[in-house]
Amino acid sequence: MTKAQTLVEFFSRSTQSTEALKDQQAAMNHYAGKAPVGVIVNVVTRWWSIWYMCNRLLHLRNALRALEQDG
């Protein structure tokens, strides 16, 4: 869970990285027909925010892996 939090914090603090993630999604066939999205930040006071954060990371895992290989 700590690694997921760190990853989300990285993308939430860097607009350039978020744009790179969205560009990667637009370039991949896996996300065809879907609007590019960013990560969801966990908020302690909001119920289910950890679930939403993890669910979004699972949705973005292919784009994140492609970014990791490119960088």
N, C-alpha and C. Protein backbone atom coordinates (compact mmCIF):
# COMPACT_ATOMS: atom_id res chain seq x y z
N MET A 1 0.82 -1.18 0.00
CA MET A 1 0.00 0.00 0.00
C MET A 1 0.87 1.26 0.00
N THR A 2 2.01 1.18 0.66
CA THR A 2 2.91 2.33 0.71
C THR A 2 3.45 2.67 -0.68
N LYS A 3 3.76 1.64 -1.46
CA LYS A 3 4.25 1.88 -2.82
C LYS A 3 3.17 2.53 -3.69
N ALA A 4 1.95 2.10 -3.51
CA ALA A 4 0.84 2.70 -4.27
C ALA A 4 0.67 4.16 -3.89
N GLN A 5 0.75 4.47 -2.60
CA GLN A 5 0.63 5.85 -2.12
C GLN A 5 1.75 6.71 -2.71
N THR A 6 2.97 6.17 -2.73
CA THR A 6 4.12 6.90 -3.26
C THR A 6 3.94 7.18 -4.75
N LEU A 7 3.46 6.21 -5.48
CA LEU A 7 3.23 6.37 -6.91
C LEU A 7 2.18 7.44 -7.17
N VAL A 8 1.10 7.41 -6.43
CA VAL A 8 0.03 8.39 -6.60
C VAL A 8 0.53 9.79 -6.24
N GLU A 9 1.31 9.91 -5.17
CA GLU A 9 1.85 11.20 -4.78
C GLU A 9 2.76 11.76 -5.86
N PHE A 10 3.56 10.89 -6.49
CA PHE A 10 4.44 11.34 -7.57
C PHE A 10 3.64 11.94 -8.71
N PHE A 11 2.60 11.26 -9.15
CA PHE A 11 1.81 11.77 -10.27
C PHE A 11 0.95 12.96 -9.88
N SER A 12 0.52 13.04 -8.64
CA SER A 12 -0.31 14.17 -8.23
C SER A 12 0.52 15.45 -8.07
N ARG A 13 1.81 15.33 -7.84
CA ARG A 13 2.67 16.50 -7.67
C ARG A 13 3.34 16.96 -8.96
N SER A 14 3.28 16.17 -10.00
CA SER A 14 3.98 16.49 -11.24
C SER A 14 2.99 16.55 -12.40
N THR A 15 2.75 17.74 -12.89
CA THR A 15 1.84 17.88 -14.03
C THR A 15 2.44 17.30 -15.30
N GLN A 16 3.76 17.35 -15.42
CA GLN A 16 4.41 16.78 -16.61
C GLN A 16 4.25 15.27 -16.63
N SER A 17 4.38 14.63 -15.49
CA SER A 17 4.22 13.18 -15.42
C SER A 17 2.78 12.77 -15.67
N THR A 18 1.85 13.56 -15.16
CA THR A 18 0.44 13.27 -15.38
C THR A 18 0.10 13.41 -16.86
N GLU A 19 0.64 14.42 -17.51
CA GLU A 19 0.42 14.58 -18.96
C GLU A 19 1.05 13.43 -19.74
N ALA A 20 2.24 12.98 -19.31
CA ALA A 20 2.88 11.83 -19.96
C ALA A 20 2.03 10.58 -19.80
N LEU A 21 1.43 10.40 -18.63
CA LEU A 21 0.56 9.25 -18.39
C LEU A 21 -0.68 9.31 -19.28
N LYS A 22 -1.26 10.48 -19.42
CA LYS A 22 -2.44 10.63 -20.27
C LYS A 22 -2.08 10.44 -21.74
N ASP A 23 -0.91 10.95 -22.16
CA ASP A 23 -0.46 10.74 -23.54
C ASP A 23 -0.22 9.26 -23.82
N GLN A 24 0.34 8.56 -22.84
CA GLN A 24 0.58 7.13 -22.99
C GLN A 24 -0.73 6.37 -23.16
N GLN A 25 -1.74 6.75 -22.39
CA GLN A 25 -3.05 6.11 -22.51
C GLN A 25 -3.65 6.35 -23.88
N ALA A 26 -3.51 7.57 -24.38
CA ALA A 26 -4.06 7.92 -25.69
C ALA A 26 -3.36 7.12 -26.80
N ALA A 27 -2.10 6.79 -26.61
CA ALA A 27 -1.33 6.07 -27.63
C ALA A 27 -1.57 4.57 -27.61
N MET A 28 -2.12 4.05 -26.53
CA MET A 28 -2.27 2.60 -26.40
C MET A 28 -3.65 2.14 -26.87
N ASN A 29 -3.68 0.98 -27.52
CA ASN A 29 -4.94 0.41 -27.99
C ASN A 29 -5.81 -0.08 -26.84
N HIS A 30 -5.19 -0.40 -25.71
CA HIS A 30 -5.93 -0.92 -24.55
C HIS A 30 -6.95 0.10 -24.04
N TYR A 31 -6.65 1.38 -24.21
CA TYR A 31 -7.52 2.44 -23.71
C TYR A 31 -8.31 3.11 -24.84
N ALA A 32 -8.41 2.47 -25.99
CA ALA A 32 -9.10 3.06 -27.14
C ALA A 32 -10.57 3.32 -26.80
N GLY A 33 -11.02 4.51 -27.17
CA GLY A 33 -12.41 4.87 -26.93
C GLY A 33 -12.68 5.39 -25.53
N LYS A 34 -11.66 5.43 -24.69
CA LYS A 34 -11.82 5.93 -23.32
C LYS A 34 -11.01 7.21 -23.16
N ALA A 35 -11.54 8.14 -22.43
CA ALA A 35 -10.81 9.39 -22.18
C ALA A 35 -9.64 9.11 -21.23
N PRO A 36 -8.48 9.71 -21.50
CA PRO A 36 -7.34 9.53 -20.60
C PRO A 36 -7.66 10.09 -19.21
N VAL A 37 -7.23 9.37 -18.20
CA VAL A 37 -7.50 9.78 -16.81
C VAL A 37 -6.20 9.79 -16.01
N GLY A 38 -6.22 10.49 -14.91
CA GLY A 38 -5.08 10.53 -14.01
C GLY A 38 -5.33 9.61 -12.81
N VAL A 39 -4.45 9.72 -11.85
CA VAL A 39 -4.57 8.91 -10.65
C VAL A 39 -5.57 9.56 -9.69
N ILE A 40 -6.07 8.78 -8.75
CA ILE A 40 -6.97 9.29 -7.72
C ILE A 40 -6.21 9.26 -6.40
N VAL A 41 -6.23 10.38 -5.71
CA VAL A 41 -5.50 10.54 -4.46
C VAL A 41 -6.34 10.03 -3.30
N ASN A 42 -5.69 9.31 -2.40
CA ASN A 42 -6.35 8.83 -1.19
C ASN A 42 -6.53 10.00 -0.22
N VAL A 43 -7.74 10.17 0.28
CA VAL A 43 -8.04 11.19 1.28
C VAL A 43 -8.55 10.47 2.52
N VAL A 44 -7.88 10.69 3.62
CA VAL A 44 -8.17 9.95 4.85
C VAL A 44 -9.62 10.14 5.29
N THR A 45 -10.17 11.32 5.13
CA THR A 45 -11.52 11.61 5.62
C THR A 45 -12.61 11.12 4.69
N ARG A 46 -12.26 10.60 3.54
CA ARG A 46 -13.28 10.13 2.60
C ARG A 46 -13.32 8.60 2.59
N TRP A 47 -14.49 8.09 2.82
CA TRP A 47 -14.66 6.64 2.80
C TRP A 47 -14.43 6.14 1.39
N TRP A 48 -13.89 4.98 1.25
CA TRP A 48 -13.66 4.29 0.00
C TRP A 48 -12.57 4.92 -0.87
N SER A 49 -11.89 5.95 -0.42
CA SER A 49 -10.90 6.59 -1.28
C SER A 49 -9.70 5.67 -1.54
N ILE A 50 -9.36 4.81 -0.60
CA ILE A 50 -8.28 3.85 -0.84
C ILE A 50 -8.69 2.86 -1.93
N TRP A 51 -9.94 2.43 -1.87
CA TRP A 51 -10.43 1.50 -2.90
C TRP A 51 -10.42 2.17 -4.27
N TYR A 52 -10.90 3.42 -4.34
CA TYR A 52 -10.90 4.14 -5.62
C TYR A 52 -9.48 4.34 -6.14
N MET A 53 -8.54 4.65 -5.25
CA MET A 53 -7.15 4.83 -5.65
C MET A 53 -6.58 3.54 -6.22
N CYS A 54 -6.78 2.43 -5.53
CA CYS A 54 -6.26 1.14 -5.99
C CYS A 54 -6.94 0.68 -7.28
N ASN A 55 -8.23 0.91 -7.38
CA ASN A 55 -8.97 0.55 -8.58
C ASN A 55 -8.45 1.33 -9.79
N ARG A 56 -8.17 2.60 -9.62
CA ARG A 56 -7.64 3.41 -10.72
C ARG A 56 -6.24 2.96 -11.10
N LEU A 57 -5.41 2.61 -10.11
CA LEU A 57 -4.07 2.12 -10.42
C LEU A 57 -4.13 0.81 -11.20
N LEU A 58 -5.07 -0.05 -10.86
CA LEU A 58 -5.24 -1.28 -11.62
C LEU A 58 -5.68 -0.98 -13.05
N HIS A 59 -6.54 -0.01 -13.21
CA HIS A 59 -6.98 0.40 -14.55
C HIS A 59 -5.80 0.96 -15.37
N LEU A 60 -4.89 1.65 -14.70
CA LEU A 60 -3.76 2.30 -15.38
C LEU A 60 -2.50 1.45 -15.43
N ARG A 61 -2.54 0.23 -14.95
CA ARG A 61 -1.31 -0.56 -14.82
C ARG A 61 -0.57 -0.74 -16.14
N ASN A 62 -1.26 -0.94 -17.25
CA ASN A 62 -0.57 -1.11 -18.54
C ASN A 62 0.13 0.17 -18.97
N ALA A 63 -0.53 1.29 -18.80
CA ALA A 63 0.09 2.57 -19.15
C ALA A 63 1.27 2.89 -18.22
N LEU A 64 1.14 2.56 -16.95
CA LEU A 64 2.23 2.79 -16.01
C LEU A 64 3.44 1.92 -16.34
N ARG A 65 3.19 0.68 -16.71
CA ARG A 65 4.30 -0.21 -17.10
C ARG A 65 4.98 0.30 -18.36
N ALA A 66 4.21 0.79 -19.31
CA ALA A 66 4.80 1.32 -20.55
C ALA A 66 5.63 2.56 -20.26
N LEU A 67 5.16 3.41 -19.37
CA LEU A 67 5.94 4.59 -18.97
C LEU A 67 7.23 4.19 -18.27
N GLU A 68 7.16 3.17 -17.45
CA GLU A 68 8.33 2.70 -16.74
C GLU A 68 9.39 2.18 -17.73
N GLN A 69 8.96 1.48 -18.76
CA GLN A 69 9.89 0.94 -19.75
C GLN A 69 10.48 2.04 -20.62
N ASP A 70 9.69 3.08 -20.90
CA ASP A 70 10.18 4.18 -21.73
C ASP A 70 11.19 5.06 -20.98
N GLY A 71 10.97 5.19 -19.69
CA GLY A 71 11.79 6.12 -18.88
C GLY A 71 12.95 5.46 -18.34
